[in-house]
C-alpha atoms as a PDB file:
ATOM      1  CA  MET A   1     -23.309  -9.175  22.852  1.00  0.00           C
ATOM      2  CA  LEU A   2     -23.482 -12.027  20.852  1.00  0.00           C
ATOM      3  CA  ALA A   3     -26.495 -10.606  18.764  1.00  0.00           C
ATOM      4  CA  GLY A   4     -23.842  -8.207  17.845  1.00  0.00           C
ATOM      5  CA  ILE A   5     -21.175 -10.070  16.800  1.00  0.00           C
ATOM      6  CA  LEU A   6     -23.269 -12.179  14.882  1.00  0.00           C
ATOM      7  CA  VAL A   7     -24.991  -8.844  12.870  1.00  0.00           C
ATOM      8  CA  VAL A   8     -21.543  -7.023  12.329  1.00  0.00           C
ATOM      9  CA  GLY A   9     -20.379 -11.240  10.735  1.00  0.00           C
ATOM     10  CA  VAL A  10     -23.810 -10.808   8.645  1.00  0.00           C
ATOM     11  CA  LEU A  11     -22.365  -7.147   7.989  1.00  0.00           C
ATOM     12  CA  LEU A  12     -19.030  -8.742   6.903  1.00  0.00           C
ATOM     13  CA  VAL A  13     -20.092 -11.584   4.791  1.00  0.00           C
ATOM     14  CA  THR A  14     -22.655  -9.674   2.455  1.00  0.00           C
ATOM     15  CA  SER A  15     -19.919  -6.452   2.265  1.00  0.00           C
ATOM     16  CA  ILE A  16     -17.718  -9.199   0.526  1.00  0.00           C
ATOM     17  CA  GLU A  17     -20.758 -10.498  -1.729  1.00  0.00           C
ATOM     18  CA  ILE A  18     -22.016  -6.972  -3.011  1.00  0.00           C
ATOM     19  CA  TYR A  19     -18.533  -6.412  -4.560  1.00  0.00           C
ATOM     20  CA  ALA A  20     -17.188 -10.341  -4.823  1.00  0.00           C
ATOM     21  CA  LEU A  21     -20.353 -11.097  -7.319  1.00  0.00           C
ATOM     22  CA  ASP A  22     -20.767  -7.727  -9.009  1.00  0.00           C
ATOM     23  CA  PRO A  23     -20.159  -8.156 -12.622  1.00  0.00           C
ATOM     24  CA  GLY A  24     -20.275  -4.620 -12.955  1.00  0.00           C
ATOM     25  CA  PHE A  25     -17.100  -4.029 -10.780  1.00  0.00           C
ATOM     26  CA  TYR A  26     -15.297  -6.909 -12.519  1.00  0.00           C
ATOM     27  CA  GLU A  27     -16.009  -5.045 -15.602  1.00  0.00           C
ATOM     28  CA  LYS A  28     -14.717  -1.671 -14.650  1.00  0.00           C
ATOM     29  CA  GLU A  29     -11.698  -3.246 -13.165  1.00  0.00           C
ATOM     30  CA  TYR A  30     -11.530  -5.051 -16.502  1.00  0.00           C
ATOM     31  CA  ASN A  31     -11.431  -1.728 -18.445  1.00  0.00           C
ATOM     32  CA  LYS A  32      -8.903  -0.247 -16.291  1.00  0.00           C
ATOM     33  CA  LEU A  33      -6.378  -3.312 -16.561  1.00  0.00           C
ATOM     34  CA  LYS A  34      -7.150  -3.592 -20.192  1.00  0.00           C
ATOM     35  CA  GLN A  35      -7.591  -7.737 -19.057  1.00  0.00           C
ATOM     36  CA  ASN A  36      -9.649  -8.353 -22.076  1.00  0.00           C
ATOM     37  CA  GLU A  37      -6.033  -7.624 -24.290  1.00  0.00           C
ATOM     38  CA  VAL A  38      -3.959  -9.481 -21.402  1.00  0.00           C
ATOM     39  CA  ILE A  39      -5.935 -12.977 -21.940  1.00  0.00           C
ATOM     40  CA  GLY A  40      -6.446 -12.082 -25.443  1.00  0.00           C
ATOM     41  CA  VAL A  41     -10.431 -12.273 -26.103  1.00  0.00           C
ATOM     42  CA  SER A  42     -12.106 -10.231 -27.246  1.00  0.00           C
ATOM     43  CA  ARG A  43     -14.517  -7.825 -24.125  1.00  0.00           C
ATOM     44  CA  GLU A  44     -17.707  -9.455 -25.122  1.00  0.00           C
ATOM     45  CA  GLU A  45     -16.678 -13.008 -24.076  1.00  0.00           C
ATOM     46  CA  LEU A  46     -14.557 -11.741 -20.595  1.00  0.00           C
ATOM     47  CA  LYS A  47     -17.948 -10.953 -20.252  1.00  0.00           C
ATOM     48  CA  ASP A  48     -19.818 -14.308 -20.653  1.00  0.00           C
ATOM     49  CA  ILE A  49     -16.727 -15.899 -19.254  1.00  0.00           C
ATOM     50  CA  THR A  50     -16.926 -13.407 -15.811  1.00  0.00           C
ATOM     51  CA  GLN A  51     -20.806 -14.003 -15.406  1.00  0.00           C
ATOM     52  CA  ASN A  52     -20.252 -18.067 -16.137  1.00  0.00           C
ATOM     53  CA  LEU A  53     -17.627 -17.526 -13.527  1.00  0.00           C
ATOM     54  CA  LEU A  54     -19.401 -15.883 -11.288  1.00  0.00           C
ATOM     55  CA  ASP A  55     -22.831 -18.348 -11.637  1.00  0.00           C
ATOM     56  CA  TYR A  56     -20.824 -20.894 -10.811  1.00  0.00           C
ATOM     57  CA  THR A  57     -19.447 -19.428  -7.722  1.00  0.00           C
ATOM     58  CA  SER A  58     -22.715 -18.522  -5.954  1.00  0.00           C
ATOM     59  CA  GLY A  59     -23.826 -22.149  -6.903  1.00  0.00           C
ATOM     60  CA  LYS A  60     -26.328 -21.007 -10.071  1.00  0.00           C
ATOM     61  CA  ARG A  61     -23.924 -22.956 -12.865  1.00  0.00           C
ATOM     62  CA  PRO A  62     -23.098 -26.836 -12.137  1.00  0.00           C
ATOM     63  CA  THR A  63     -19.341 -26.514 -13.728  1.00  0.00           C
ATOM     64  CA  LEU A  64     -16.964 -24.156 -15.266  1.00  0.00           C
ATOM     65  CA  ASP A  65     -16.594 -26.196 -18.847  1.00  0.00           C
ATOM     66  CA  MET A  66     -16.891 -23.232 -20.798  1.00  0.00           C
ATOM     67  CA  LYS A  67     -14.774 -22.432 -24.477  1.00  0.00           C
ATOM     68  CA  ALA A  68     -13.753 -19.026 -26.323  1.00  0.00           C
ATOM     69  CA  GLU A  69     -12.067 -17.881 -28.421  1.00  0.00           C
ATOM     70  CA  ILE A  70      -8.748 -17.044 -26.896  1.00  0.00           C
ATOM     71  CA  ARG A  71      -5.571 -15.322 -29.169  1.00  0.00           C
ATOM     72  CA  GLY A  72      -7.229 -16.877 -32.202  1.00  0.00           C
ATOM     73  CA  GLU A  73      -7.851 -20.609 -31.079  1.00  0.00           C
ATOM     74  CA  LYS A  74     -11.413 -21.565 -29.656  1.00  0.00           C
ATOM     75  CA  ARG A  75     -10.321 -23.626 -26.851  1.00  0.00           C
ATOM     76  CA  GLU A  76     -11.490 -24.696 -22.930  1.00  0.00           C
ATOM     77  CA  VAL A  77     -11.357 -21.655 -20.785  1.00  0.00           C
ATOM     78  CA  PHE A  78     -10.210 -23.210 -17.513  1.00  0.00           C
ATOM     79  CA  ASN A  79      -7.699 -25.507 -17.312  1.00  0.00           C
ATOM     80  CA  ASP A  80      -8.541 -28.534 -14.733  1.00  0.00           C
ATOM     81  CA  LYS A  81      -5.931 -26.872 -11.872  1.00  0.00           C
ATOM     82  CA  GLU A  82      -8.235 -23.745 -12.429  1.00  0.00           C
ATOM     83  CA  LYS A  83     -11.394 -25.807 -12.563  1.00  0.00           C
ATOM     84  CA  SER A  84     -10.102 -27.209  -8.793  1.00  0.00           C
ATOM     85  CA  HIS A  85      -9.392 -24.474  -7.143  1.00  0.00           C
ATOM     86  CA  MET A  86     -12.592 -22.842  -7.631  1.00  0.00           C
ATOM     87  CA  VAL A  87     -14.562 -25.895  -6.030  1.00  0.00           C
ATOM     88  CA  ASP A  88     -12.674 -24.487  -2.984  1.00  0.00           C
ATOM     89  CA  VAL A  89     -13.514 -21.228  -3.971  1.00  0.00           C
ATOM     90  CA  ARG A  90     -17.517 -21.814  -4.429  1.00  0.00           C
ATOM     91  CA  ASP A  91     -17.560 -23.972  -1.453  1.00  0.00           C
ATOM     92  CA  LEU A  92     -15.920 -21.429   0.643  1.00  0.00           C
ATOM     93  CA  TYR A  93     -18.693 -19.164  -0.081  1.00  0.00           C
ATOM     94  CA  ILE A  94     -21.735 -20.911  -0.203  1.00  0.00           C
ATOM     95  CA  ALA A  95     -20.012 -22.031   3.733  1.00  0.00           C
ATOM     96  CA  ALA A  96     -19.937 -18.726   4.739  1.00  0.00           C
ATOM     97  CA  ARG A  97     -23.483 -17.457   2.778  1.00  0.00           C
ATOM     98  CA  ASP A  98     -25.119 -20.275   4.919  1.00  0.00           C
ATOM     99  CA  ILE A  99     -23.947 -19.290   8.686  1.00  0.00           C
ATOM    100  CA  ARG A 100     -24.435 -15.487   7.034  1.00  0.00           C
ATOM    101  CA  ASN A 101     -28.134 -16.449   6.519  1.00  0.00           C
ATOM    102  CA  ILE A 102     -27.903 -18.547  10.102  1.00  0.00           C
ATOM    103  CA  SER A 103     -26.471 -15.963  11.866  1.00  0.00           C
ATOM    104  CA  ALA A 104     -29.267 -13.146  10.770  1.00  0.00           C
ATOM    105  CA  ALA A 105     -31.696 -15.699  11.864  1.00  0.00           C
ATOM    106  CA  ALA A 106     -29.776 -15.965  15.253  1.00  0.00           C
ATOM    107  CA  ALA A 107     -30.224 -12.461  15.910  1.00  0.00           C
ATOM    108  CA  LEU A 108     -32.727 -11.639  15.308  1.00  0.00           C
ATOM    109  CA  ILE A 109     -34.118 -14.194  18.178  1.00  0.00           C
ATOM    110  CA  LEU A 110     -31.487 -13.142  20.089  1.00  0.00           C
ATOM    111  CA  ILE A 111     -32.720  -9.322  19.582  1.00  0.00           C
ATOM    112  CA  THR A 112     -36.381 -10.487  20.490  1.00  0.00           C
ATOM    113  CA  ILE A 113     -35.569 -12.451  23.465  1.00  0.00           C
ATOM    114  CA  GLY A 114     -34.013  -9.129  24.523  1.00  0.00           C
ATOM    115  CA  LEU A 115     -36.645  -7.216  24.511  1.00  0.00           C
ATOM    116  CA  LEU A 116     -39.319  -9.823  25.899  1.00  0.00           C
ATOM    117  CA  LEU A 117     -36.600 -10.033  29.046  1.00  0.00           C
ATOM    118  CA  TYR A 118     -35.384  -6.353  29.476  1.00  0.00           C
ATOM    119  CA  LYS A 119     -38.338  -5.124  28.124  1.00  0.00           C
ATOM    120  CA  LYS A 120     -38.125  -0.917  28.463  1.00  0.00           C
ATOM    121  CA  GLY A 121     -34.910  -1.400  29.075  1.00  0.00           C
ATOM    122  CA  GLY A 122     -33.936  -3.610  26.236  1.00  0.00           C
ATOM    123  CA  VAL A 123     -33.772  -1.527  23.448  1.00  0.00           C
ATOM    124  CA  ARG A 124     -30.729   0.595  25.038  1.00  0.00           C
ATOM    125  CA  ALA A 125     -29.143  -2.786  26.636  1.00  0.00           C
ATOM    126  CA  LEU A 126     -28.527  -4.060  23.260  1.00  0.00           C
ATOM    127  CA  LEU A 127     -27.757  -0.840  21.404  1.00  0.00           C
ATOM    128  CA  LYS A 128     -24.991  -0.324  24.232  1.00  0.00           C
ATOM    129  CA  SER A 129     -23.979  -3.749  23.486  1.00  0.00           C
ATOM    130  CA  TYR A 130     -23.783  -3.367  20.087  1.00  0.00           C
ATOM    131  CA  ILE A 131     -21.620  -0.330  20.043  1.00  0.00           C
ATOM    132  CA  TRP A 132     -18.976  -2.173  22.178  1.00  0.00           C
ATOM    133  CA  VAL A 133     -18.736  -4.816  19.763  1.00  0.00           C
ATOM    134  CA  CYS A 134     -18.435  -2.869  16.795  1.00  0.00           C
ATOM    135  CA  GLY A 135     -15.725  -0.818  18.900  1.00  0.00           C
ATOM    136  CA  VAL A 136     -13.477  -4.367  19.299  1.00  0.00           C
ATOM    137  CA  PHE A 137     -14.365  -5.655  15.638  1.00  0.00           C
ATOM    138  CA  LEU A 138     -13.332  -1.944  13.549  1.00  0.00           C
ATOM    139  CA  ALA A 139     -10.173  -1.720  14.867  1.00  0.00           C
ATOM    140  CA  ALA A 140      -9.395  -5.775  14.467  1.00  0.00           C
ATOM    141  CA  VAL A 141     -10.393  -4.502  10.603  1.00  0.00           C
ATOM    142  CA  ALA A 142      -8.374  -1.032  11.228  1.00  0.00           C
ATOM    143  CA  ALA A 143      -5.277  -3.669  11.752  1.00  0.00           C
ATOM    144  CA  LEU A 144      -6.267  -5.796   9.147  1.00  0.00           C
ATOM    145  CA  GLY A 145      -6.655  -2.974   6.261  1.00  0.00           C
ATOM    146  CA  LEU A 146      -3.428  -1.570   7.453  1.00  0.00           C
ATOM    147  CA  TYR A 147      -1.932  -5.121   7.495  1.00  0.00           C
ATOM    148  CA  ALA A 148      -3.180  -5.037   4.141  1.00  0.00           C
ATOM    149  CA  ALA A 149      -2.036  -1.313   3.325  1.00  0.00           C
ATOM    150  CA  LEU A 150       1.713  -2.343   3.495  1.00  0.00           C
ATOM    151  CA  ASP A 151       2.058  -5.418   2.575  1.00  0.00           C
ATOM    152  CA  PHE A 152      -0.934  -6.528   0.401  1.00  0.00           C
ATOM    153  CA  ASN A 153       1.363  -9.948  -0.732  1.00  0.00           C
ATOM    154  CA  SER A 154       1.733 -10.935   2.601  1.00  0.00           C
ATOM    155  CA  PHE A 155      -1.800 -10.414   3.273  1.00  0.00           C
ATOM    156  CA  TRP A 156      -3.475 -12.273   0.206  1.00  0.00           C
ATOM    157  CA  THR A 157      -1.003 -15.321   1.239  1.00  0.00           C
ATOM    158  CA  SER A 158      -2.103 -15.071   4.281  1.00  0.00           C
ATOM    159  CA  PHE A 159      -5.614 -15.422   3.487  1.00  0.00           C
ATOM    160  CA  HIS A 160      -5.151 -18.693   1.238  1.00  0.00           C
ATOM    161  CA  LEU A 161      -2.825 -20.250   3.432  1.00  0.00           C
ATOM    162  CA  LEU A 162      -5.679 -20.160   5.983  1.00  0.00           C
ATOM    163  CA  PHE A 163      -8.748 -20.841   3.953  1.00  0.00           C
ATOM    164  CA  PHE A 164      -7.648 -23.181   1.359  1.00  0.00           C
ATOM    165  CA  SER A 165      -5.803 -26.620   2.816  1.00  0.00           C
ATOM    166  CA  ASN A 166      -3.801 -26.609  -0.880  1.00  0.00           C
ATOM    167  CA  ASN A 167      -1.886 -25.145  -3.291  1.00  0.00           C
ATOM    168  CA  LEU A 168      -4.455 -25.231  -5.700  1.00  0.00           C
ATOM    169  CA  TRP A 169      -4.827 -21.044  -5.612  1.00  0.00           C
ATOM    170  CA  ILE A 170      -1.113 -20.525  -6.718  1.00  0.00           C
ATOM    171  CA  LEU A 171      -1.593 -20.310 -10.414  1.00  0.00           C
ATOM    172  CA  ASP A 172       0.113 -18.998 -13.562  1.00  0.00           C
ATOM    173  CA  PRO A 173      -0.654 -15.256 -14.242  1.00  0.00           C
ATOM    174  CA  ALA A 174       1.303 -15.781 -18.094  1.00  0.00           C
ATOM    175  CA  ALA A 175      -0.726 -19.620 -18.435  1.00  0.00           C
ATOM    176  CA  ASP A 176      -4.118 -19.502 -16.626  1.00  0.00           C
ATOM    177  CA  VAL A 177      -6.755 -17.294 -17.100  1.00  0.00           C
ATOM    178  CA  LEU A 178      -7.991 -17.090 -13.977  1.00  0.00           C
ATOM    179  CA  ILE A 179      -5.750 -15.546 -12.439  1.00  0.00           C
ATOM    180  CA  MET A 180      -5.457 -13.118 -15.873  1.00  0.00           C
ATOM    181  CA  MET A 181      -9.075 -12.063 -14.929  1.00  0.00           C
ATOM    182  CA  VAL A 182      -8.420 -11.514 -11.605  1.00  0.00           C
ATOM    183  CA  PRO A 183      -4.623 -10.429 -11.025  1.00  0.00           C
ATOM    184  CA  GLY A 184      -3.190  -8.945  -7.413  1.00  0.00           C
ATOM    185  CA  GLN A 185      -4.312  -5.436  -8.298  1.00  0.00           C
ATOM    186  CA  PHE A 186      -7.721  -6.852  -8.900  1.00  0.00           C
ATOM    187  CA  PHE A 187      -7.845  -8.268  -5.203  1.00  0.00           C
ATOM    188  CA  MET A 188      -6.019  -4.676  -4.150  1.00  0.00           C
ATOM    189  CA  ASP A 189      -9.201  -2.790  -5.650  1.00  0.00           C
ATOM    190  CA  LEU A 190     -11.622  -5.612  -4.344  1.00  0.00           C
ATOM    191  CA  VAL A 191     -10.540  -5.473  -0.875  1.00  0.00           C
ATOM    192  CA  GLN A 192     -10.370  -2.193  -0.623  1.00  0.00           C
ATOM    193  CA  ASN A 193     -13.486  -1.629  -2.193  1.00  0.00           C
ATOM    194  CA  ILE A 194     -14.930  -4.044   0.743  1.00  0.00           C
ATOM    195  CA  ILE A 195     -13.381  -2.618   3.639  1.00  0.00           C
ATOM    196  CA  VAL A 196     -14.175   0.419   2.776  1.00  0.00           C
ATOM    197  CA  LEU A 197     -18.201  -0.003   2.688  1.00  0.00           C
ATOM    198  CA  PHE A 198     -18.115  -2.669   5.715  1.00  0.00           C
ATOM    199  CA  VAL A 199     -16.883   0.194   7.829  1.00  0.00           C
ATOM    200  CA  SER A 200     -19.008   2.692   5.912  1.00  0.00           C
ATOM    201  CA  ALA A 201     -21.908   0.149   7.246  1.00  0.00           C
ATOM    202  CA  PHE A 202     -20.314  -0.018  10.691  1.00  0.00           C
ATOM    203  CA  ILE A 203     -19.910   3.262  11.175  1.00  0.00           C
ATOM    204  CA  ALA A 204     -23.269   4.243  10.013  1.00  0.00           C
ATOM    205  CA  SER A 205     -24.944   1.427  12.573  1.00  0.00           C
ATOM    206  CA  ILE A 206     -22.747   2.853  15.111  1.00  0.00           C
ATOM    207  CA  LEU A 207     -24.121   6.362  14.357  1.00  0.00           C
ATOM    208  CA  VAL A 208     -28.132   5.141  14.691  1.00  0.00           C
ATOM    209  CA  SER A 209     -27.084   2.795  18.055  1.00  0.00           C
ATOM    210  CA  ALA A 210     -25.567   6.226  19.628  1.00  0.00           C
ATOM    211  CA  ILE A 211     -27.975   8.922  18.438  1.00  0.00           C
ATOM    212  CA  SER A 212     -30.715   6.353  19.584  1.00  0.00           C
ATOM    213  CA  ILE A 213     -29.545   6.283  22.895  1.00  0.00           C
ATOM    214  CA  GLY A 214     -29.604   9.601  23.234  1.00  0.00           C
ATOM    215  CA  LEU A 215     -32.734  10.274  22.106  1.00  0.00           C
ATOM    216  CA  MET A 216     -33.960   7.711  24.825  1.00  0.00           C
ATOM    217  CA  LYS A 217     -32.610   9.618  27.522  1.00  0.00           C
ATOM    218  CA  SER A 218     -33.688  12.879  26.346  1.00  0.00           C
ATOM    219  CA  TYR A 219     -37.388  11.490  26.343  1.00  0.00           C
ATOM    220  CA  GLU A 220     -37.381   9.901  29.389  1.00  0.00           C
ATOM    221  CA  ARG A 221     -35.349  13.216  31.079  1.00  0.00           C
ATOM    222  CA  ARG A 222     -38.036  15.113  29.670  1.00  0.00           C
ATOM    223  CA  LYS A 223     -40.804  12.646  30.728  1.00  0.00           C
ATOM    224  CA  ALA A 224     -39.841  12.373  34.546  1.00  0.00           C
ATOM    225  CA  TYR A 225     -39.376  16.643  34.320  1.00  0.00           C
ATOM    226  CA  ASP A 226     -43.042  17.147  33.336  1.00  0.00           C
ATOM    227  CA  LYS A 227     -44.095  14.946  35.956  1.00  0.00           C
ATOM    228  CA  LYS A 228     -42.378  16.984  38.142  1.00  0.00           C
END
């Protein structure tokens, strides 16, 4: 069951990473929401800014210092408050990524130990435990998804209060480029895509586990019948 919990955590962080660091997703949202016009920057410059932002978040870029032509003026893109908030975001992401990688390794070790200890019954025991773990997590994700659907602002505020120890995340949508790039609608779409991907991976893994258990039972019955 512990291995199952770790695997679910790996799926969750990976689902977040796939969308949160995908330049294509950002470009699609920008085009839909016309964010380059809101910011007053060309699409090409916005694309470059976004790539720099994602590189910084993932630890590939040392700073967020960059300049761009915004509303006809060549200026620093992000102010000190925005940069300080992104330090927190980067630290949170890198910590989650490191925990995900450690969890993946730990899950593999636990699964190997389980198979060695239980031998023939190990695979079935692992699959059954995983299905139970997934059921609990699926209920939790459904509850969070319902919360986000009913009151996204409250959900998003609760998320920030839980993971950030300061108010740097409260930005001015009329002046701060960072929040202009990713307004509330952007985050609603982001969370929706992450939940859909996560739940899809969840359901697929549950189905594979259930089918595998069914096939093992069928094989054991056939084997027992042949012995008779």
